Amino acid sequence: MGVGKTILDEAAIRRALTRIAHEILERNKGVQDCLLVGIKTRGIYLARRLGDRIRQIEGRSIPIGELDITLYRDDLTEKHPHPQIKDTQIPDINGKKVILVDDVLYTGRTVRAAMDALIDHGRPQMIQLAVLIDRGHRELPIRPDYIGKNVPTSRNESVSVTLTEVDDGQDKVCIKTNE
């Protein structure tokens, strides 16, 4: 992989998440019957950060869940012949507005797997999607409701999200050219 170019630094990520939090509150008229569900791994930490911002803005907490989509992936046998399953911890989703949270939206296959996993847990009123980065190249008809930043990329580029909770260093988003 080639040298990466930073497209979002820590401050830009913070501003993007604050804007998304405001958009979620505006669209849903508050947090009543809403919950955030982060897709493992980085989506969980972004969901927690969004939850913190929503609490700061609205003065009310929003439930936050964690979703492991490993067994729902359509490339499971290709990439993970012996998958390690992590916990899925989500509150009751029946009749709720579920906001799925992930770091990067690319082909849409991760989101499709997440929706399948959610439906196996109950029947939400609606599912919305919040992503930090939308890089295009959809293979499925999936569109985010909340976007931190649109980043047009070529297929020979990759987007790397670094978060302090899971990675060494500081928060940043980089584009790298694959060799």
N, C-alpha and C. Protein backbone atom coordinates (compact mmCIF):
# COMPACT_ATOMS: atom_id res chain seq x y z
N MET A 1 0.84 -1.17 0.00
CA MET A 1 0.00 0.00 0.00
C MET A 1 0.88 1.23 0.00
N GLY A 2 0.51 2.25 -0.75
CA GLY A 2 1.30 3.45 -0.88
C GLY A 2 1.13 4.38 0.31
N VAL A 3 1.68 5.57 0.15
CA VAL A 3 1.62 6.59 1.18
C VAL A 3 0.20 7.12 1.29
N GLY A 4 -0.25 7.37 2.51
CA GLY A 4 -1.61 7.86 2.72
C GLY A 4 -1.68 9.36 2.81
N LYS A 5 -2.81 9.90 2.36
CA LYS A 5 -3.07 11.33 2.46
C LYS A 5 -4.19 11.52 3.47
N THR A 6 -3.95 12.32 4.50
CA THR A 6 -4.97 12.56 5.52
C THR A 6 -6.05 13.48 4.96
N ILE A 7 -7.30 13.00 5.02
CA ILE A 7 -8.43 13.81 4.53
C ILE A 7 -9.29 14.35 5.66
N LEU A 8 -9.23 13.73 6.84
CA LEU A 8 -9.89 14.25 8.03
C LEU A 8 -8.95 14.07 9.21
N ASP A 9 -8.76 15.14 9.97
CA ASP A 9 -7.98 15.03 11.19
C ASP A 9 -8.94 14.92 12.37
N GLU A 10 -8.39 14.93 13.57
CA GLU A 10 -9.20 14.76 14.78
C GLU A 10 -10.30 15.82 14.89
N ALA A 11 -9.97 17.07 14.64
CA ALA A 11 -10.95 18.15 14.74
C ALA A 11 -12.05 18.01 13.69
N ALA A 12 -11.68 17.62 12.47
CA ALA A 12 -12.67 17.46 11.40
C ALA A 12 -13.61 16.29 11.70
N ILE A 13 -13.09 15.21 12.27
CA ILE A 13 -13.94 14.08 12.66
C ILE A 13 -14.91 14.53 13.74
N ARG A 14 -14.42 15.27 14.72
CA ARG A 14 -15.27 15.77 15.80
C ARG A 14 -16.39 16.65 15.25
N ARG A 15 -16.05 17.55 14.34
CA ARG A 15 -17.07 18.43 13.75
C ARG A 15 -18.09 17.63 12.94
N ALA A 16 -17.62 16.65 12.18
CA ALA A 16 -18.53 15.83 11.37
C ALA A 16 -19.51 15.07 12.26
N LEU A 17 -19.02 14.50 13.36
CA LEU A 17 -19.90 13.76 14.26
C LEU A 17 -20.89 14.69 14.96
N THR A 18 -20.46 15.89 15.30
CA THR A 18 -21.37 16.85 15.91
C THR A 18 -22.48 17.23 14.93
N ARG A 19 -22.12 17.44 13.67
CA ARG A 19 -23.13 17.76 12.65
C ARG A 19 -24.10 16.60 12.46
N ILE A 20 -23.58 15.37 12.39
CA ILE A 20 -24.45 14.20 12.25
C ILE A 20 -25.39 14.09 13.44
N ALA A 21 -24.90 14.35 14.64
CA ALA A 21 -25.75 14.30 15.84
C ALA A 21 -26.90 15.29 15.71
N HIS A 22 -26.60 16.51 15.28
CA HIS A 22 -27.66 17.51 15.07
C HIS A 22 -28.65 17.04 14.01
N GLU A 23 -28.16 16.47 12.92
CA GLU A 23 -29.04 15.99 11.85
C GLU A 23 -29.95 14.87 12.33
N ILE A 24 -29.41 13.96 13.14
CA ILE A 24 -30.22 12.87 13.70
C ILE A 24 -31.33 13.44 14.56
N LEU A 25 -30.98 14.39 15.43
CA LEU A 25 -31.98 15.00 16.31
C LEU A 25 -33.05 15.74 15.51
N GLU A 26 -32.63 16.47 14.49
CA GLU A 26 -33.59 17.23 13.68
C GLU A 26 -34.52 16.30 12.92
N ARG A 27 -33.97 15.31 12.26
CA ARG A 27 -34.79 14.41 11.44
C ARG A 27 -35.78 13.60 12.28
N ASN A 28 -35.34 13.18 13.47
CA ASN A 28 -36.17 12.33 14.32
C ASN A 28 -36.92 13.10 15.40
N LYS A 29 -36.79 14.43 15.37
CA LYS A 29 -37.45 15.30 16.35
C LYS A 29 -37.11 14.89 17.79
N GLY A 30 -35.82 14.69 18.03
CA GLY A 30 -35.35 14.27 19.34
C GLY A 30 -34.87 12.84 19.31
N VAL A 31 -34.85 12.20 20.49
CA VAL A 31 -34.34 10.83 20.59
C VAL A 31 -35.40 9.82 20.99
N GLN A 32 -36.65 10.27 21.09
CA GLN A 32 -37.74 9.36 21.46
C GLN A 32 -37.80 8.18 20.50
N ASP A 33 -37.79 6.97 21.03
CA ASP A 33 -37.88 5.73 20.25
C ASP A 33 -36.71 5.53 19.28
N CYS A 34 -35.58 6.19 19.52
CA CYS A 34 -34.40 6.02 18.67
C CYS A 34 -33.33 5.24 19.42
N LEU A 35 -32.50 4.54 18.68
CA LEU A 35 -31.31 3.95 19.26
C LEU A 35 -30.22 3.87 18.20
N LEU A 36 -28.99 3.96 18.66
CA LEU A 36 -27.82 3.86 17.79
C LEU A 36 -27.27 2.45 17.89
N VAL A 37 -26.92 1.87 16.74
CA VAL A 37 -26.31 0.54 16.72
C VAL A 37 -25.04 0.63 15.89
N GLY A 38 -23.90 0.45 16.54
CA GLY A 38 -22.61 0.49 15.86
C GLY A 38 -22.24 -0.86 15.29
N ILE A 39 -21.76 -0.85 14.04
CA ILE A 39 -21.29 -2.07 13.39
C ILE A 39 -19.84 -2.29 13.80
N LYS A 40 -19.54 -3.49 14.32
CA LYS A 40 -18.18 -3.80 14.78
C LYS A 40 -17.18 -3.56 13.66
N THR A 41 -16.10 -2.96 13.88
CA THR A 41 -15.54 -2.54 15.14
C THR A 41 -15.63 -1.02 15.29
N ARG A 42 -15.21 -0.28 14.31
CA ARG A 42 -15.15 1.17 14.47
C ARG A 42 -16.51 1.83 14.56
N GLY A 43 -17.52 1.22 13.98
CA GLY A 43 -18.87 1.76 14.08
C GLY A 43 -19.36 1.85 15.51
N ILE A 44 -18.89 0.93 16.35
CA ILE A 44 -19.28 0.95 17.77
C ILE A 44 -18.78 2.22 18.44
N TYR A 45 -17.52 2.54 18.21
CA TYR A 45 -16.92 3.71 18.86
C TYR A 45 -17.50 5.01 18.29
N LEU A 46 -17.80 5.02 17.00
CA LEU A 46 -18.46 6.20 16.43
C LEU A 46 -19.86 6.35 16.99
N ALA A 47 -20.58 5.24 17.19
CA ALA A 47 -21.92 5.30 17.78
C ALA A 47 -21.85 5.85 19.21
N ARG A 48 -20.86 5.42 19.97
CA ARG A 48 -20.69 5.94 21.34
C ARG A 48 -20.42 7.44 21.32
N ARG A 49 -19.57 7.87 20.40
CA ARG A 49 -19.28 9.31 20.31
C ARG A 49 -20.53 10.09 19.92
N LEU A 50 -21.29 9.55 18.96
CA LEU A 50 -22.55 10.21 18.58
C LEU A 50 -23.50 10.27 19.77
N GLY A 51 -23.57 9.19 20.52
CA GLY A 51 -24.42 9.17 21.71
C GLY A 51 -24.02 10.24 22.71
N ASP A 52 -22.72 10.42 22.91
CA ASP A 52 -22.22 11.47 23.82
C ASP A 52 -22.63 12.85 23.32
N ARG A 53 -22.48 13.08 22.02
CA ARG A 53 -22.84 14.40 21.47
C ARG A 53 -24.34 14.65 21.57
N ILE A 54 -25.13 13.64 21.28
CA ILE A 54 -26.58 13.79 21.38
C ILE A 54 -26.97 14.11 22.81
N ARG A 55 -26.35 13.45 23.79
CA ARG A 55 -26.64 13.72 25.20
C ARG A 55 -26.25 15.16 25.55
N GLN A 56 -25.11 15.63 25.04
CA GLN A 56 -24.69 17.01 25.31
C GLN A 56 -25.65 18.02 24.70
N ILE A 57 -26.12 17.74 23.49
CA ILE A 57 -27.00 18.67 22.79
C ILE A 57 -28.42 18.64 23.34
N GLU A 58 -28.95 17.44 23.51
CA GLU A 58 -30.36 17.24 23.83
C GLU A 58 -30.63 17.12 25.33
N GLY A 59 -29.59 16.76 26.09
CA GLY A 59 -29.80 16.56 27.52
C GLY A 59 -30.46 15.23 27.85
N ARG A 60 -30.56 14.35 26.85
CA ARG A 60 -31.15 13.02 27.04
C ARG A 60 -30.22 11.99 26.41
N SER A 61 -30.17 10.84 27.04
CA SER A 61 -29.35 9.75 26.50
C SER A 61 -30.11 8.98 25.44
N ILE A 62 -29.37 8.39 24.53
CA ILE A 62 -29.93 7.53 23.50
C ILE A 62 -29.30 6.15 23.69
N PRO A 63 -30.10 5.08 23.69
CA PRO A 63 -29.52 3.74 23.84
C PRO A 63 -28.55 3.43 22.70
N ILE A 64 -27.49 2.69 23.04
CA ILE A 64 -26.46 2.35 22.05
C ILE A 64 -26.24 0.83 22.09
N GLY A 65 -26.20 0.23 20.91
CA GLY A 65 -25.96 -1.20 20.80
C GLY A 65 -24.74 -1.49 19.95
N GLU A 66 -24.30 -2.75 20.01
CA GLU A 66 -23.15 -3.23 19.25
C GLU A 66 -23.58 -4.42 18.41
N LEU A 67 -23.25 -4.39 17.12
CA LEU A 67 -23.69 -5.44 16.21
C LEU A 67 -22.50 -6.11 15.54
N ASP A 68 -22.40 -7.43 15.69
CA ASP A 68 -21.38 -8.21 14.99
C ASP A 68 -22.05 -8.87 13.80
N ILE A 69 -21.57 -8.56 12.60
CA ILE A 69 -22.21 -9.06 11.37
C ILE A 69 -21.43 -10.22 10.75
N THR A 70 -20.45 -10.75 11.45
CA THR A 70 -19.56 -11.76 10.87
C THR A 70 -20.31 -12.87 10.14
N LEU A 71 -21.30 -13.47 10.78
CA LEU A 71 -22.00 -14.60 10.17
C LEU A 71 -22.96 -14.20 9.06
N TYR A 72 -23.18 -12.91 8.87
CA TYR A 72 -24.11 -12.43 7.85
C TYR A 72 -23.40 -11.97 6.59
N ARG A 73 -22.09 -11.98 6.60
CA ARG A 73 -21.33 -11.50 5.44
C ARG A 73 -21.48 -12.47 4.27
N ASP A 74 -21.54 -11.93 3.06
CA ASP A 74 -21.64 -12.80 1.89
C ASP A 74 -20.28 -13.29 1.40
N ASP A 75 -19.20 -12.78 2.02
CA ASP A 75 -17.85 -13.23 1.67
C ASP A 75 -17.22 -14.01 2.82
N LEU A 76 -18.04 -14.57 3.67
CA LEU A 76 -17.55 -15.23 4.89
C LEU A 76 -16.54 -16.33 4.58
N THR A 77 -16.87 -17.22 3.66
CA THR A 77 -15.96 -18.34 3.39
C THR A 77 -14.70 -17.89 2.66
N GLU A 78 -14.79 -16.81 1.87
CA GLU A 78 -13.61 -16.30 1.17
C GLU A 78 -12.60 -15.69 2.12
N LYS A 79 -13.07 -14.77 2.95
CA LYS A 79 -12.16 -13.98 3.78
C LYS A 79 -11.93 -14.59 5.16
N HIS A 80 -12.91 -15.28 5.68
CA HIS A 80 -12.83 -15.76 7.06
C HIS A 80 -13.26 -17.22 7.15
N PRO A 81 -12.36 -18.16 6.82
CA PRO A 81 -12.76 -19.57 6.87
C PRO A 81 -13.11 -20.03 8.29
N HIS A 82 -12.52 -19.40 9.31
CA HIS A 82 -12.81 -19.72 10.71
C HIS A 82 -13.14 -18.42 11.44
N PRO A 83 -14.35 -17.91 11.26
CA PRO A 83 -14.68 -16.59 11.83
C PRO A 83 -14.71 -16.61 13.35
N GLN A 84 -14.26 -15.50 13.93
CA GLN A 84 -14.37 -15.32 15.37
C GLN A 84 -15.59 -14.44 15.62
N ILE A 85 -16.54 -14.98 16.33
CA ILE A 85 -17.78 -14.26 16.56
C ILE A 85 -17.66 -13.48 17.86
N LYS A 86 -18.01 -12.21 17.77
CA LYS A 86 -17.97 -11.34 18.94
C LYS A 86 -19.41 -11.11 19.39
N ASP A 87 -19.54 -10.51 20.54
CA ASP A 87 -20.87 -10.26 21.09
C ASP A 87 -21.66 -9.27 20.26
N THR A 88 -22.95 -9.55 20.14
CA THR A 88 -23.90 -8.56 19.64
C THR A 88 -24.72 -8.17 20.85
N GLN A 89 -24.69 -6.90 21.18
CA GLN A 89 -25.45 -6.41 22.33
C GLN A 89 -26.29 -5.24 21.87
N ILE A 90 -27.58 -5.50 21.64
CA ILE A 90 -28.45 -4.41 21.23
C ILE A 90 -29.71 -4.43 22.08
N PRO A 91 -30.22 -3.25 22.41
CA PRO A 91 -31.48 -3.17 23.13
C PRO A 91 -32.62 -3.66 22.24
N ASP A 92 -33.80 -3.77 22.79
CA ASP A 92 -34.98 -4.16 22.01
C ASP A 92 -35.18 -3.16 20.87
N ILE A 93 -35.27 -3.68 19.65
CA ILE A 93 -35.41 -2.80 18.48
C ILE A 93 -36.84 -2.75 17.94
N ASN A 94 -37.73 -3.57 18.48
CA ASN A 94 -39.09 -3.62 17.97
C ASN A 94 -39.77 -2.26 18.07
N GLY A 95 -40.24 -1.76 16.92
CA GLY A 95 -40.94 -0.49 16.87
C GLY A 95 -40.05 0.73 17.05
N LYS A 96 -38.75 0.55 17.05
CA LYS A 96 -37.81 1.67 17.27
C LYS A 96 -37.22 2.16 15.95
N LYS A 97 -36.72 3.38 16.00
CA LYS A 97 -35.94 3.94 14.88
C LYS A 97 -34.48 3.59 15.16
N VAL A 98 -33.94 2.69 14.36
CA VAL A 98 -32.57 2.23 14.56
C VAL A 98 -31.66 2.99 13.61
N ILE A 99 -30.64 3.63 14.17
CA ILE A 99 -29.65 4.32 13.36
C ILE A 99 -28.38 3.47 13.37
N LEU A 100 -28.12 2.80 12.25
CA LEU A 100 -26.90 2.01 12.10
C LEU A 100 -25.74 2.97 11.90
N VAL A 101 -24.61 2.68 12.54
CA VAL A 101 -23.44 3.56 12.45
C VAL A 101 -22.24 2.74 11.99
N ASP A 102 -21.54 3.25 10.97
CA ASP A 102 -20.32 2.59 10.50
C ASP A 102 -19.31 3.65 10.09
N ASP A 103 -18.06 3.22 9.93
CA ASP A 103 -17.02 4.18 9.59
C ASP A 103 -17.00 4.52 8.11
N VAL A 104 -16.97 3.51 7.23
CA VAL A 104 -16.86 3.76 5.79
C VAL A 104 -17.95 2.99 5.05
N LEU A 105 -18.64 3.67 4.15
CA LEU A 105 -19.59 3.02 3.26
C LEU A 105 -18.93 2.90 1.90
N TYR A 106 -18.87 1.66 1.39
CA TYR A 106 -18.20 1.40 0.12
C TYR A 106 -19.18 0.67 -0.79
N THR A 107 -19.16 -0.64 -0.82
CA THR A 107 -20.03 -1.40 -1.73
C THR A 107 -21.46 -1.51 -1.23
N GLY A 108 -21.65 -1.39 0.07
CA GLY A 108 -22.98 -1.56 0.66
C GLY A 108 -23.19 -2.95 1.25
N ARG A 109 -22.25 -3.84 1.04
CA ARG A 109 -22.42 -5.22 1.50
C ARG A 109 -22.39 -5.35 3.03
N THR A 110 -21.57 -4.56 3.69
CA THR A 110 -21.54 -4.58 5.16
C THR A 110 -22.88 -4.12 5.71
N VAL A 111 -23.44 -3.06 5.14
CA VAL A 111 -24.73 -2.54 5.61
C VAL A 111 -25.84 -3.56 5.35
N ARG A 112 -25.80 -4.23 4.20
CA ARG A 112 -26.80 -5.27 3.92
C ARG A 112 -26.73 -6.36 4.98
N ALA A 113 -25.52 -6.79 5.31
CA ALA A 113 -25.34 -7.81 6.34
C ALA A 113 -25.85 -7.31 7.70
N ALA A 114 -25.59 -6.04 8.01
CA ALA A 114 -26.06 -5.47 9.27
C ALA A 114 -27.58 -5.42 9.33
N MET A 115 -28.22 -5.07 8.22
CA MET A 115 -29.69 -5.05 8.20
C MET A 115 -30.25 -6.46 8.39
N ASP A 116 -29.63 -7.45 7.76
CA ASP A 116 -30.07 -8.84 7.96
C ASP A 116 -29.95 -9.23 9.43
N ALA A 117 -28.84 -8.88 10.06
CA ALA A 117 -28.63 -9.20 11.47
C ALA A 117 -29.66 -8.49 12.34
N LEU A 118 -29.93 -7.22 12.05
CA LEU A 118 -30.93 -6.48 12.82
C LEU A 118 -32.31 -7.12 12.73
N ILE A 119 -32.72 -7.46 11.52
CA ILE A 119 -34.04 -8.04 11.32
C ILE A 119 -34.17 -9.36 12.09
N ASP A 120 -33.08 -10.09 12.24
CA ASP A 120 -33.12 -11.31 13.05
C ASP A 120 -33.34 -11.01 14.53
N HIS A 121 -33.10 -9.78 14.96
CA HIS A 121 -33.30 -9.39 16.36
C HIS A 121 -34.66 -8.75 16.62
N GLY A 122 -35.40 -8.43 15.59
CA GLY A 122 -36.71 -7.82 15.80
C GLY A 122 -37.15 -7.05 14.58
N ARG A 123 -38.22 -6.27 14.78
CA ARG A 123 -38.81 -5.51 13.67
C ARG A 123 -38.79 -4.02 14.00
N PRO A 124 -37.74 -3.33 13.56
CA PRO A 124 -37.68 -1.89 13.84
C PRO A 124 -38.72 -1.12 13.04
N GLN A 125 -39.09 0.04 13.55
CA GLN A 125 -39.99 0.94 12.81
C GLN A 125 -39.33 1.38 11.52
N MET A 126 -38.04 1.72 11.62
CA MET A 126 -37.24 2.10 10.45
C MET A 126 -35.77 1.92 10.78
N ILE A 127 -34.98 1.82 9.72
CA ILE A 127 -33.53 1.75 9.86
C ILE A 127 -32.94 2.92 9.08
N GLN A 128 -32.11 3.70 9.76
CA GLN A 128 -31.39 4.79 9.12
C GLN A 128 -29.90 4.44 9.17
N LEU A 129 -29.12 5.10 8.32
CA LEU A 129 -27.69 4.80 8.23
C LEU A 129 -26.87 6.07 8.38
N ALA A 130 -25.92 6.03 9.32
CA ALA A 130 -24.97 7.12 9.52
C ALA A 130 -23.56 6.59 9.27
N VAL A 131 -22.81 7.26 8.41
CA VAL A 131 -21.43 6.86 8.12
C VAL A 131 -20.51 8.06 8.22
N LEU A 132 -19.30 7.82 8.67
CA LEU A 132 -18.32 8.89 8.72
C LEU A 132 -17.86 9.23 7.30
N ILE A 133 -17.61 8.20 6.48
CA ILE A 133 -17.11 8.40 5.11
C ILE A 133 -17.98 7.62 4.13
N ASP A 134 -18.41 8.30 3.06
CA ASP A 134 -19.07 7.64 1.93
C ASP A 134 -18.12 7.75 0.75
N ARG A 135 -17.57 6.62 0.32
CA ARG A 135 -16.57 6.65 -0.75
C ARG A 135 -17.11 6.23 -2.10
N GLY A 136 -18.41 5.92 -2.19
CA GLY A 136 -18.99 5.55 -3.48
C GLY A 136 -18.75 4.10 -3.83
N HIS A 137 -18.94 3.76 -5.10
CA HIS A 137 -18.72 2.41 -5.65
C HIS A 137 -19.71 1.38 -5.12
N ARG A 138 -20.98 1.77 -4.97
CA ARG A 138 -21.99 0.87 -4.46
C ARG A 138 -22.23 -0.32 -5.38
N GLU A 139 -22.40 -1.49 -4.80
CA GLU A 139 -22.79 -2.69 -5.53
C GLU A 139 -24.22 -3.08 -5.19
N LEU A 140 -24.77 -2.46 -4.16
CA LEU A 140 -26.14 -2.70 -3.73
C LEU A 140 -26.84 -1.35 -3.59
N PRO A 141 -28.18 -1.33 -3.70
CA PRO A 141 -28.91 -0.06 -3.62
C PRO A 141 -29.04 0.44 -2.19
N ILE A 142 -27.94 0.93 -1.64
CA ILE A 142 -27.89 1.41 -0.25
C ILE A 142 -27.40 2.85 -0.27
N ARG A 143 -28.09 3.69 0.53
CA ARG A 143 -27.75 5.11 0.57
C ARG A 143 -27.79 5.57 2.03
N PRO A 144 -26.76 6.27 2.48
CA PRO A 144 -26.75 6.73 3.87
C PRO A 144 -27.68 7.92 4.09
N ASP A 145 -28.23 8.00 5.30
CA ASP A 145 -29.06 9.13 5.69
C ASP A 145 -28.22 10.27 6.25
N TYR A 146 -27.09 9.92 6.86
CA TYR A 146 -26.21 10.91 7.49
C TYR A 146 -24.78 10.59 7.06
N ILE A 147 -24.08 11.60 6.55
CA ILE A 147 -22.73 11.41 6.02
C ILE A 147 -21.80 12.45 6.64
N GLY A 148 -20.69 11.97 7.20
CA GLY A 148 -19.67 12.89 7.69
C GLY A 148 -18.97 13.60 6.55
N LYS A 149 -18.53 12.82 5.55
CA LYS A 149 -17.85 13.40 4.39
C LYS A 149 -17.97 12.44 3.21
N ASN A 150 -18.33 13.00 2.05
CA ASN A 150 -18.29 12.26 0.79
C ASN A 150 -16.86 12.33 0.27
N VAL A 151 -16.28 11.17 -0.03
CA VAL A 151 -14.91 11.11 -0.50
C VAL A 151 -14.88 10.24 -1.76
N PRO A 152 -14.99 10.87 -2.94
CA PRO A 152 -14.90 10.07 -4.16
C PRO A 152 -13.53 9.41 -4.25
N THR A 153 -13.53 8.12 -4.53
CA THR A 153 -12.28 7.38 -4.62
C THR A 153 -12.28 6.55 -5.89
N SER A 154 -11.11 6.08 -6.26
CA SER A 154 -11.02 5.08 -7.33
C SER A 154 -10.96 3.71 -6.66
N ARG A 155 -11.16 2.69 -7.46
CA ARG A 155 -11.15 1.33 -6.88
C ARG A 155 -9.75 0.89 -6.44
N ASN A 156 -8.71 1.57 -6.92
CA ASN A 156 -7.37 1.19 -6.47
C ASN A 156 -6.92 2.01 -5.25
N GLU A 157 -7.86 2.68 -4.63
CA GLU A 157 -7.57 3.40 -3.39
C GLU A 157 -8.32 2.73 -2.24
N SER A 158 -7.81 2.92 -1.05
CA SER A 158 -8.51 2.45 0.14
C SER A 158 -8.61 3.60 1.13
N VAL A 159 -9.64 3.53 1.95
CA VAL A 159 -9.86 4.54 2.97
C VAL A 159 -9.58 3.89 4.32
N SER A 160 -8.75 4.52 5.11
CA SER A 160 -8.36 3.99 6.42
C SER A 160 -8.83 4.95 7.50
N VAL A 161 -9.64 4.45 8.43
CA VAL A 161 -10.11 5.25 9.56
C VAL A 161 -9.36 4.78 10.80
N THR A 162 -8.71 5.72 11.47
CA THR A 162 -7.98 5.44 12.70
C THR A 162 -8.70 6.14 13.85
N LEU A 163 -9.06 5.37 14.88
CA LEU A 163 -9.72 5.93 16.06
C LEU A 163 -8.88 5.59 17.29
N THR A 164 -8.79 6.53 18.21
CA THR A 164 -7.96 6.33 19.40
C THR A 164 -8.41 5.13 20.23
N GLU A 165 -9.70 4.80 20.20
CA GLU A 165 -10.20 3.70 21.02
C GLU A 165 -9.68 2.33 20.57
N VAL A 166 -9.36 2.17 19.28
CA VAL A 166 -8.94 0.85 18.78
C VAL A 166 -7.59 0.85 18.08
N ASP A 167 -7.09 2.00 17.72
CA ASP A 167 -5.84 2.08 16.97
C ASP A 167 -4.82 2.91 17.74
N ASP A 168 -3.56 2.70 17.44
CA ASP A 168 -2.53 3.55 18.04
C ASP A 168 -2.57 4.91 17.36
N GLY A 169 -2.26 5.92 18.10
CA GLY A 169 -2.20 7.25 17.50
C GLY A 169 -3.47 8.05 17.72
N GLN A 170 -3.70 8.99 16.82
CA GLN A 170 -4.83 9.89 16.97
C GLN A 170 -5.87 9.64 15.89
N ASP A 171 -7.04 10.24 16.08
CA ASP A 171 -8.13 10.09 15.11
C ASP A 171 -7.72 10.70 13.77
N LYS A 172 -7.97 9.94 12.70
CA LYS A 172 -7.75 10.50 11.36
C LYS A 172 -8.36 9.56 10.32
N VAL A 173 -8.59 10.12 9.15
CA VAL A 173 -9.04 9.34 8.00
C VAL A 173 -8.05 9.62 6.88
N CYS A 174 -7.53 8.55 6.28
CA CYS A 174 -6.55 8.67 5.20
C CYS A 174 -7.02 7.91 3.96
N ILE A 175 -6.60 8.41 2.80
CA ILE A 175 -6.78 7.68 1.55
C ILE A 175 -5.40 7.16 1.15
N LYS A 176 -5.36 5.89 0.79
CA LYS A 176 -4.10 5.28 0.36
C LYS A 176 -4.29 4.67 -1.01
N THR A 177 -3.26 4.76 -1.83
CA THR A 177 -3.29 4.12 -3.14
C THR A 177 -2.70 2.73 -3.01
N ASN A 178 -3.46 1.74 -3.47
CA ASN A 178 -2.99 0.35 -3.43
C ASN A 178 -2.06 0.11 -4.60
N GLU A 179 -0.98 -0.58 -4.35
CA GLU A 179 0.01 -0.86 -5.40
C GLU A 179 -0.46 -1.99 -6.28
